[in-house]
Protein backbone atom coordinates (compact mmCIF):
# COMPACT_ATOMS: atom_id res chain seq x y z
CA UNK A 1 44.19 -52.79 33.34
CA UNK A 2 45.09 -49.53 35.33
CA UNK A 3 45.51 -47.90 31.82
CA UNK A 4 41.92 -48.66 31.16
CA UNK A 5 40.74 -47.47 34.61
CA UNK A 6 42.40 -44.20 34.01
CA UNK A 7 40.87 -43.87 30.58
CA UNK A 8 37.46 -44.65 31.70
CA UNK A 9 37.79 -42.27 34.58
CA UNK A 10 38.83 -39.56 32.15
CA UNK A 11 35.98 -40.31 30.01
CA UNK A 12 33.43 -39.86 32.62
CA UNK A 13 35.06 -36.57 33.68
CA UNK A 14 34.72 -35.54 30.20
CA UNK A 15 31.13 -36.47 29.77
CA UNK A 16 30.30 -35.08 33.14
CA UNK A 17 31.76 -31.64 32.05
CA UNK A 18 29.76 -31.63 28.82
CA UNK A 19 26.55 -32.28 30.54
CA UNK A 20 24.63 -29.25 31.83
CA UNK A 21 23.49 -28.76 35.47
CA UNK A 22 20.02 -27.61 35.48
CA UNK A 23 17.48 -26.46 38.10
CA UNK A 24 13.93 -25.02 37.83
CA UNK A 25 10.33 -24.58 39.32
CA UNK A 26 7.05 -23.49 38.04
CA UNK A 27 3.69 -22.29 39.46
CA UNK A 28 1.98 -22.25 36.00
CA UNK A 29 3.11 -21.90 32.58
CA UNK A 30 1.77 -19.51 30.08
CA UNK A 31 -1.21 -20.67 28.19
CA UNK A 32 -0.81 -21.20 24.14
CA UNK A 33 -0.69 -17.99 22.30
CA UNK A 34 0.16 -15.93 25.56
CA UNK A 35 1.41 -12.41 24.37
CA UNK A 36 5.09 -12.42 25.48
CA UNK A 37 8.41 -10.55 25.42
CA UNK A 38 11.57 -12.02 25.83
CA UNK A 39 14.35 -9.78 27.27
CA UNK A 40 17.90 -10.05 27.95
CA UNK A 41 21.52 -8.61 27.31
CA UNK A 42 22.75 -11.92 25.44
CA UNK A 43 21.79 -12.26 21.72
CA UNK A 44 22.29 -15.95 21.54
CA UNK A 45 20.46 -16.42 24.68
CA UNK A 46 17.54 -14.23 23.69
CA UNK A 47 17.31 -15.63 20.32
CA UNK A 48 17.20 -19.33 21.53
CA UNK A 49 14.68 -18.54 24.25
CA UNK A 50 12.44 -16.56 21.46
CA UNK A 51 12.58 -19.57 19.06
CA UNK A 52 11.97 -22.27 21.98
CA UNK A 53 9.05 -20.41 23.36
CA UNK A 54 7.44 -19.86 19.73
CA UNK A 55 7.78 -23.63 19.28
CA UNK A 56 5.75 -24.04 22.42
CA UNK A 57 2.79 -21.86 20.96
CA UNK A 58 3.50 -18.59 22.80
CA UNK A 59 3.11 -15.35 20.65
CA UNK A 60 6.34 -13.45 21.11
CA UNK A 61 6.37 -9.71 20.34
CA UNK A 62 9.30 -8.35 18.38
CA UNK A 63 11.74 -6.57 20.77
CA UNK A 64 11.52 -3.45 18.49
CA UNK A 65 8.17 -2.95 19.55
CA UNK A 66 9.19 -2.51 23.05
CA UNK A 67 11.78 -0.14 22.12
CA UNK A 68 9.68 2.15 20.34
CA UNK A 69 7.28 2.40 23.34
CA UNK A 70 10.22 2.88 25.53
CA UNK A 71 11.39 5.94 23.33
CA UNK A 72 7.78 7.53 23.58
CA UNK A 73 8.25 7.49 27.17
CA UNK A 74 12.09 8.64 26.89
CA UNK A 75 13.28 5.88 28.63
CA UNK A 76 16.93 4.14 28.20
CA UNK A 77 17.78 0.59 29.21
CA UNK A 78 21.16 -0.47 30.61
CA UNK A 79 19.91 -4.25 31.80
CA UNK A 80 19.39 -3.23 35.57
CA UNK A 81 16.36 -3.89 37.97
CA UNK A 82 15.38 -0.24 37.29
CA UNK A 83 14.97 -1.42 33.75
CA UNK A 84 13.15 -4.48 34.31
CA UNK A 85 10.42 -2.65 36.09
CA UNK A 86 10.02 -0.09 33.27
CA UNK A 87 9.83 -3.16 30.73
CA UNK A 88 6.96 -4.55 32.80
CA UNK A 89 5.31 -1.12 32.80
CA UNK A 90 5.62 -0.80 29.14
CA UNK A 91 4.43 -4.71 28.84
CA UNK A 92 1.41 -3.72 30.59
CA UNK A 93 0.51 -0.79 28.35
CA UNK A 94 1.09 -2.99 25.49
CA UNK A 95 -1.43 -5.81 27.14
CA UNK A 96 1.42 -8.48 27.28
CA UNK A 97 0.66 -11.14 29.50
CA UNK A 98 4.32 -12.44 30.20
CA UNK A 99 7.79 -11.11 30.07
CA UNK A 100 10.48 -13.70 30.03
CA UNK A 101 13.85 -12.28 31.31
CA UNK A 102 16.94 -14.15 30.21
CA UNK A 103 20.30 -13.36 32.12
CA UNK A 104 23.70 -14.55 31.61
CA UNK A 105 26.29 -14.83 34.07
CA UNK A 106 29.79 -16.64 34.55
CA UNK A 107 32.42 -15.99 32.19
CA UNK A 108 33.32 -17.22 28.45
CA UNK A 109 34.56 -20.48 29.41
CA UNK A 110 31.86 -21.23 32.16
CA UNK A 111 28.65 -19.43 31.37
CA UNK A 112 25.43 -19.67 33.17
CA UNK A 113 21.95 -18.91 32.03
CA UNK A 114 18.97 -18.05 34.11
CA UNK A 115 15.48 -17.65 32.74
CA UNK A 116 12.23 -16.49 34.46
CA UNK A 117 8.63 -15.65 33.37
CA UNK A 118 6.96 -12.85 35.11
CA UNK A 119 3.17 -12.32 34.72
CA UNK A 120 2.89 -8.72 33.93
CA UNK A 121 -0.57 -8.04 35.45
CA UNK A 122 0.67 -9.29 39.07
CA UNK A 123 4.39 -9.00 38.83
CA UNK A 124 4.49 -12.68 40.16
CA UNK A 125 7.35 -15.09 38.98
CA UNK A 126 5.49 -17.89 37.48
CA UNK A 127 8.59 -20.03 36.54
CA UNK A 128 12.11 -19.97 36.48
CA UNK A 129 15.09 -22.19 35.59
CA UNK A 130 18.85 -22.23 35.29
CA UNK A 131 21.75 -24.12 33.46
CA UNK A 132 25.41 -24.07 33.57
CA UNK A 133 28.28 -26.39 33.24
CA UNK A 134 30.22 -27.94 36.09
CA UNK A 135 33.54 -27.45 34.24
CA UNK A 136 34.92 -25.09 31.63
CA UNK A 137 33.54 -25.61 27.95
CA UNK A 138 35.69 -25.51 24.85
CA UNK A 139 32.71 -25.12 22.40
CA UNK A 140 31.95 -21.64 21.05
CA UNK A 141 30.59 -19.47 23.64
CA UNK A 142 27.57 -18.60 21.57
CA UNK A 143 26.57 -22.05 21.10
CA UNK A 144 27.04 -22.95 24.91
CA UNK A 145 24.98 -20.09 25.94
CA UNK A 146 22.18 -21.05 23.33
CA UNK A 147 22.33 -24.67 24.62
CA UNK A 148 22.17 -23.48 28.16
CA UNK A 149 19.23 -21.60 27.44
CA UNK A 150 17.38 -24.33 25.90
CA UNK A 151 18.39 -26.68 28.76
CA UNK A 152 16.88 -24.42 31.35
CA UNK A 153 13.72 -23.78 29.37
CA UNK A 154 13.44 -27.64 29.09
CA UNK A 155 13.97 -28.33 32.90
CA UNK A 156 10.98 -25.80 33.40
CA UNK A 157 8.83 -27.15 31.12
CA UNK A 158 9.32 -30.56 32.32
CA UNK A 159 11.10 -32.12 29.40
CA UNK A 160 14.09 -33.06 31.47
CA UNK A 161 14.58 -33.43 35.36
CA UNK A 162 16.96 -31.06 37.15
CA UNK A 163 20.42 -32.15 37.80
CA UNK A 164 22.98 -33.36 35.45
CA UNK A 165 21.22 -36.13 33.79
CA UNK A 166 21.15 -36.09 29.96
CA UNK A 167 18.19 -37.35 28.27
CA UNK A 168 17.52 -37.55 24.45
CA UNK A 169 14.40 -35.38 24.36
CA UNK A 170 16.44 -32.57 25.47
CA UNK A 171 19.55 -33.44 23.43
CA UNK A 172 17.63 -33.50 20.15
CA UNK A 173 15.30 -30.44 21.43
CA UNK A 174 18.48 -28.34 22.11
CA UNK A 175 20.76 -29.27 19.33
CA UNK A 176 22.69 -26.18 18.15
CA UNK A 177 23.51 -26.05 14.57
CA UNK A 178 27.17 -25.85 14.07
CA UNK A 179 27.91 -26.76 17.55
CA UNK A 180 30.74 -29.23 18.35
CA UNK A 181 29.57 -32.89 18.20
CA UNK A 182 27.86 -34.34 21.22
CA UNK A 183 29.75 -37.23 23.11
CA UNK A 184 27.78 -40.52 22.54
CA UNK A 185 25.69 -41.31 25.50
């Protein structure tokens, strides 16, 4: 009986570690076909956010168009707050309605993703979300980062509640091809 109790306890710790912890809020979400730019310093996170937002009907501009406009203004970006101000200025010139900033924190074994949508005309943050793992992950970092990005967005859009609960809707929505198999829930 003691062995079974220990095994069940270890299984719960393992499952809890695999479930992302999310949080988020929204004043309002962008309208369908809203012209959007996704900006961040992690290719996996930006790629996942771009695809996720396109699946929700947003019209996402290619980032290279942003670079072309930055070059005409002789600006170089290094992913700082000053750069975000420059991106918002260029987005306004390009008549973009929303810029989505995707930031990665933490380390390779415990990444954290935060996303936020900024209305270009007002500079107001209209929504934001975050996702992280409570424990170290053993899946490849790019898969963990992509999954966390999706889970943060799913929380903001209301597909899953904030916290550590895992729901089939977000699991299916956030499946990453090539990722380690999910634990049965």
